[in-house]
């Protein structure tokens, strides 16, 4: 039996965290929500995640810094970045961290779920 995927959703916007969590649940994907990168890094269940889905721009630690910290700690699970800001260097930074995708907010359901499917397939 294949274990049910578990995704960490990190975003400082509580309504977006909840919306993404509801979307994932509708696809039978479990998730844990975090308001900051620091919350995720302090989670006792960090090794259990199949994928990290994080906002890029957040107060304190941004999404790129979060994934860098995860990689430095040996957590190599796939990462997906979300952003409402368009900067030319974002795609390059995401590639450097071996991200599965970077999606622009607002995103279409199928765009995000396509990224999630690719990330989960690569995690197996």
C-alpha atoms as a PDB file:
ATOM      1  CA  UNK A   1       0.000   0.000   0.000  1.00  0.00           C
ATOM      2  CA  UNK A   2       1.357   3.418  -0.976  1.00  0.00           C
ATOM      3  CA  UNK A   3       1.342   5.811   1.990  1.00  0.00           C
ATOM      4  CA  UNK A   4      -0.850   8.892   1.670  1.00  0.00           C
ATOM      5  CA  UNK A   5       1.275  11.899   0.695  1.00  0.00           C
ATOM      6  CA  UNK A   6       1.822  14.632   3.280  1.00  0.00           C
ATOM      7  CA  UNK A   7       2.651  18.146   2.097  1.00  0.00           C
ATOM      8  CA  UNK A   8       3.942  21.065   4.149  1.00  0.00           C
ATOM      9  CA  UNK A   9       2.201  24.302   3.105  1.00  0.00           C
ATOM     10  CA  UNK A  10       4.106  27.407   4.208  1.00  0.00           C
ATOM     11  CA  UNK A  11       2.587  30.842   3.635  1.00  0.00           C
ATOM     12  CA  UNK A  12       2.155  33.902   5.842  1.00  0.00           C
ATOM     13  CA  UNK A  13      -1.346  34.456   4.403  1.00  0.00           C
ATOM     14  CA  UNK A  14      -3.732  32.365   6.538  1.00  0.00           C
ATOM     15  CA  UNK A  15      -6.537  32.445   3.960  1.00  0.00           C
ATOM     16  CA  UNK A  16      -4.242  31.162   1.212  1.00  0.00           C
ATOM     17  CA  UNK A  17      -2.885  28.433   3.513  1.00  0.00           C
ATOM     18  CA  UNK A  18      -6.437  27.305   4.200  1.00  0.00           C
ATOM     19  CA  UNK A  19      -7.447  27.457   0.532  1.00  0.00           C
ATOM     20  CA  UNK A  20      -4.450  25.370  -0.538  1.00  0.00           C
ATOM     21  CA  UNK A  21      -5.076  22.898   2.308  1.00  0.00           C
ATOM     22  CA  UNK A  22      -8.715  22.518   1.211  1.00  0.00           C
ATOM     23  CA  UNK A  23      -7.641  21.993  -2.391  1.00  0.00           C
ATOM     24  CA  UNK A  24      -5.110  19.327  -1.419  1.00  0.00           C
ATOM     25  CA  UNK A  25      -7.664  17.584   0.787  1.00  0.00           C
ATOM     26  CA  UNK A  26     -10.095  17.450  -2.148  1.00  0.00           C
ATOM     27  CA  UNK A  27      -7.404  15.440  -3.973  1.00  0.00           C
ATOM     28  CA  UNK A  28      -6.929  13.142  -0.931  1.00  0.00           C
ATOM     29  CA  UNK A  29      -3.579  14.706  -0.069  1.00  0.00           C
ATOM     30  CA  UNK A  30      -2.875  15.451   3.587  1.00  0.00           C
ATOM     31  CA  UNK A  31      -1.081  18.619   4.584  1.00  0.00           C
ATOM     32  CA  UNK A  32       0.196  20.563   7.550  1.00  0.00           C
ATOM     33  CA  UNK A  33       0.027  24.352   7.477  1.00  0.00           C
ATOM     34  CA  UNK A  34       2.776  26.672   8.680  1.00  0.00           C
ATOM     35  CA  UNK A  35       2.721  30.477   8.855  1.00  0.00           C
ATOM     36  CA  UNK A  36       6.512  30.830   8.707  1.00  0.00           C
ATOM     37  CA  UNK A  37       9.549  28.913   7.587  1.00  0.00           C
ATOM     38  CA  UNK A  38      10.763  28.835  11.161  1.00  0.00           C
ATOM     39  CA  UNK A  39       7.595  26.976  12.209  1.00  0.00           C
ATOM     40  CA  UNK A  40       8.297  24.283   9.624  1.00  0.00           C
ATOM     41  CA  UNK A  41      11.963  24.007  10.589  1.00  0.00           C
ATOM     42  CA  UNK A  42      10.921  23.486  14.224  1.00  0.00           C
ATOM     43  CA  UNK A  43       8.308  20.857  13.371  1.00  0.00           C
ATOM     44  CA  UNK A  44       8.967  17.430  14.907  1.00  0.00           C
ATOM     45  CA  UNK A  45       7.382  15.843  11.809  1.00  0.00           C
ATOM     46  CA  UNK A  46       9.591  17.560   9.230  1.00  0.00           C
ATOM     47  CA  UNK A  47      11.041  14.290   7.896  1.00  0.00           C
ATOM     48  CA  UNK A  48       7.551  12.919   7.166  1.00  0.00           C
ATOM     49  CA  UNK A  49       6.698  15.415   4.435  1.00  0.00           C
ATOM     50  CA  UNK A  50       6.559  14.236   0.835  1.00  0.00           C
ATOM     51  CA  UNK A  51       6.868  17.779  -0.516  1.00  0.00           C
ATOM     52  CA  UNK A  52       7.355  21.373   0.618  1.00  0.00           C
ATOM     53  CA  UNK A  53       4.997  23.978  -0.883  1.00  0.00           C
ATOM     54  CA  UNK A  54       6.094  27.460   0.111  1.00  0.00           C
ATOM     55  CA  UNK A  55       5.437  31.089  -0.622  1.00  0.00           C
ATOM     56  CA  UNK A  56       8.500  33.012  -1.778  1.00  0.00           C
ATOM     57  CA  UNK A  57       7.885  36.381  -0.101  1.00  0.00           C
ATOM     58  CA  UNK A  58       7.247  36.131   3.638  1.00  0.00           C
ATOM     59  CA  UNK A  59       8.354  38.215   6.615  1.00  0.00           C
ATOM     60  CA  UNK A  60      11.554  36.948   8.182  1.00  0.00           C
ATOM     61  CA  UNK A  61      12.748  33.878   6.308  1.00  0.00           C
ATOM     62  CA  UNK A  62      11.646  33.851   2.671  1.00  0.00           C
ATOM     63  CA  UNK A  63      10.786  30.672   0.777  1.00  0.00           C
ATOM     64  CA  UNK A  64      14.182  30.377  -0.893  1.00  0.00           C
ATOM     65  CA  UNK A  65      15.950  30.705   2.455  1.00  0.00           C
ATOM     66  CA  UNK A  66      13.597  28.083   3.878  1.00  0.00           C
ATOM     67  CA  UNK A  67      14.394  25.534   1.179  1.00  0.00           C
ATOM     68  CA  UNK A  68      18.115  26.310   1.495  1.00  0.00           C
ATOM     69  CA  UNK A  69      17.837  25.598   5.243  1.00  0.00           C
ATOM     70  CA  UNK A  70      15.935  22.374   4.559  1.00  0.00           C
ATOM     71  CA  UNK A  71      18.577  21.222   2.059  1.00  0.00           C
ATOM     72  CA  UNK A  72      21.363  22.113   4.521  1.00  0.00           C
ATOM     73  CA  UNK A  73      19.660  19.847   7.069  1.00  0.00           C
ATOM     74  CA  UNK A  74      19.481  16.997   4.566  1.00  0.00           C
ATOM     75  CA  UNK A  75      15.792  17.288   3.642  1.00  0.00           C
ATOM     76  CA  UNK A  76      15.772  16.752  -0.108  1.00  0.00           C
ATOM     77  CA  UNK A  77      12.028  16.357  -0.667  1.00  0.00           C
ATOM     78  CA  UNK A  78      10.653  18.176  -3.713  1.00  0.00           C
ATOM     79  CA  UNK A  79       9.853  21.872  -3.327  1.00  0.00           C
ATOM     80  CA  UNK A  80       7.254  24.017  -5.047  1.00  0.00           C
ATOM     81  CA  UNK A  81       7.395  27.801  -4.807  1.00  0.00           C
ATOM     82  CA  UNK A  82       4.385  30.147  -5.009  1.00  0.00           C
ATOM     83  CA  UNK A  83       4.703  33.873  -5.569  1.00  0.00           C
ATOM     84  CA  UNK A  84       2.588  36.915  -6.296  1.00  0.00           C
ATOM     85  CA  UNK A  85       5.709  38.816  -7.363  1.00  0.00           C
ATOM     86  CA  UNK A  86       7.439  38.460 -10.707  1.00  0.00           C
ATOM     87  CA  UNK A  87      11.197  38.779 -10.548  1.00  0.00           C
ATOM     88  CA  UNK A  88      13.535  37.519 -13.222  1.00  0.00           C
ATOM     89  CA  UNK A  89      15.843  35.809 -10.738  1.00  0.00           C
ATOM     90  CA  UNK A  90      13.085  33.755  -9.080  1.00  0.00           C
ATOM     91  CA  UNK A  91      13.055  31.026 -11.736  1.00  0.00           C
ATOM     92  CA  UNK A  92      16.840  30.775 -11.593  1.00  0.00           C
ATOM     93  CA  UNK A  93      16.843  30.574  -7.789  1.00  0.00           C
ATOM     94  CA  UNK A  94      14.122  27.916  -7.875  1.00  0.00           C
ATOM     95  CA  UNK A  95      16.122  25.841 -10.390  1.00  0.00           C
ATOM     96  CA  UNK A  96      19.255  26.160  -8.251  1.00  0.00           C
ATOM     97  CA  UNK A  97      17.303  24.578  -5.379  1.00  0.00           C
ATOM     98  CA  UNK A  98      16.003  21.785  -7.647  1.00  0.00           C
ATOM     99  CA  UNK A  99      12.428  23.010  -7.293  1.00  0.00           C
ATOM    100  CA  UNK A 100       9.733  21.103  -9.120  1.00  0.00           C
ATOM    101  CA  UNK A 101       7.851  24.301 -10.034  1.00  0.00           C
ATOM    102  CA  UNK A 102       7.359  27.960  -9.337  1.00  0.00           C
ATOM    103  CA  UNK A 103       3.742  29.081  -9.714  1.00  0.00           C
ATOM    104  CA  UNK A 104       2.433  32.619  -9.890  1.00  0.00           C
ATOM    105  CA  UNK A 105      -0.420  33.717  -7.647  1.00  0.00           C
ATOM    106  CA  UNK A 106      -3.232  33.687  -8.410  1.00  0.00           C
ATOM    107  CA  UNK A 107      -2.846  30.240  -9.925  1.00  0.00           C
ATOM    108  CA  UNK A 108      -5.285  27.873 -11.553  1.00  0.00           C
ATOM    109  CA  UNK A 109      -6.125  24.669  -9.701  1.00  0.00           C
ATOM    110  CA  UNK A 110      -4.764  22.464 -12.474  1.00  0.00           C
ATOM    111  CA  UNK A 111      -1.500  24.401 -12.636  1.00  0.00           C
ATOM    112  CA  UNK A 112      -0.823  23.876  -8.938  1.00  0.00           C
ATOM    113  CA  UNK A 113      -2.051  20.278  -8.916  1.00  0.00           C
ATOM    114  CA  UNK A 114       0.100  19.470 -11.952  1.00  0.00           C
ATOM    115  CA  UNK A 115       3.106  20.698  -9.988  1.00  0.00           C
ATOM    116  CA  UNK A 116       2.040  18.692  -6.944  1.00  0.00           C
ATOM    117  CA  UNK A 117       1.629  15.527  -9.044  1.00  0.00           C
ATOM    118  CA  UNK A 118       5.119  15.981 -10.564  1.00  0.00           C
ATOM    119  CA  UNK A 119       6.622  16.614  -7.134  1.00  0.00           C
ATOM    120  CA  UNK A 120       4.989  13.566  -5.584  1.00  0.00           C
ATOM    121  CA  UNK A 121       5.992  11.374  -8.531  1.00  0.00           C
ATOM    122  CA  UNK A 122       9.614  12.456  -8.162  1.00  0.00           C
ATOM    123  CA  UNK A 123       9.503  11.816  -4.393  1.00  0.00           C
ATOM    124  CA  UNK A 124       8.663   8.126  -4.875  1.00  0.00           C
END
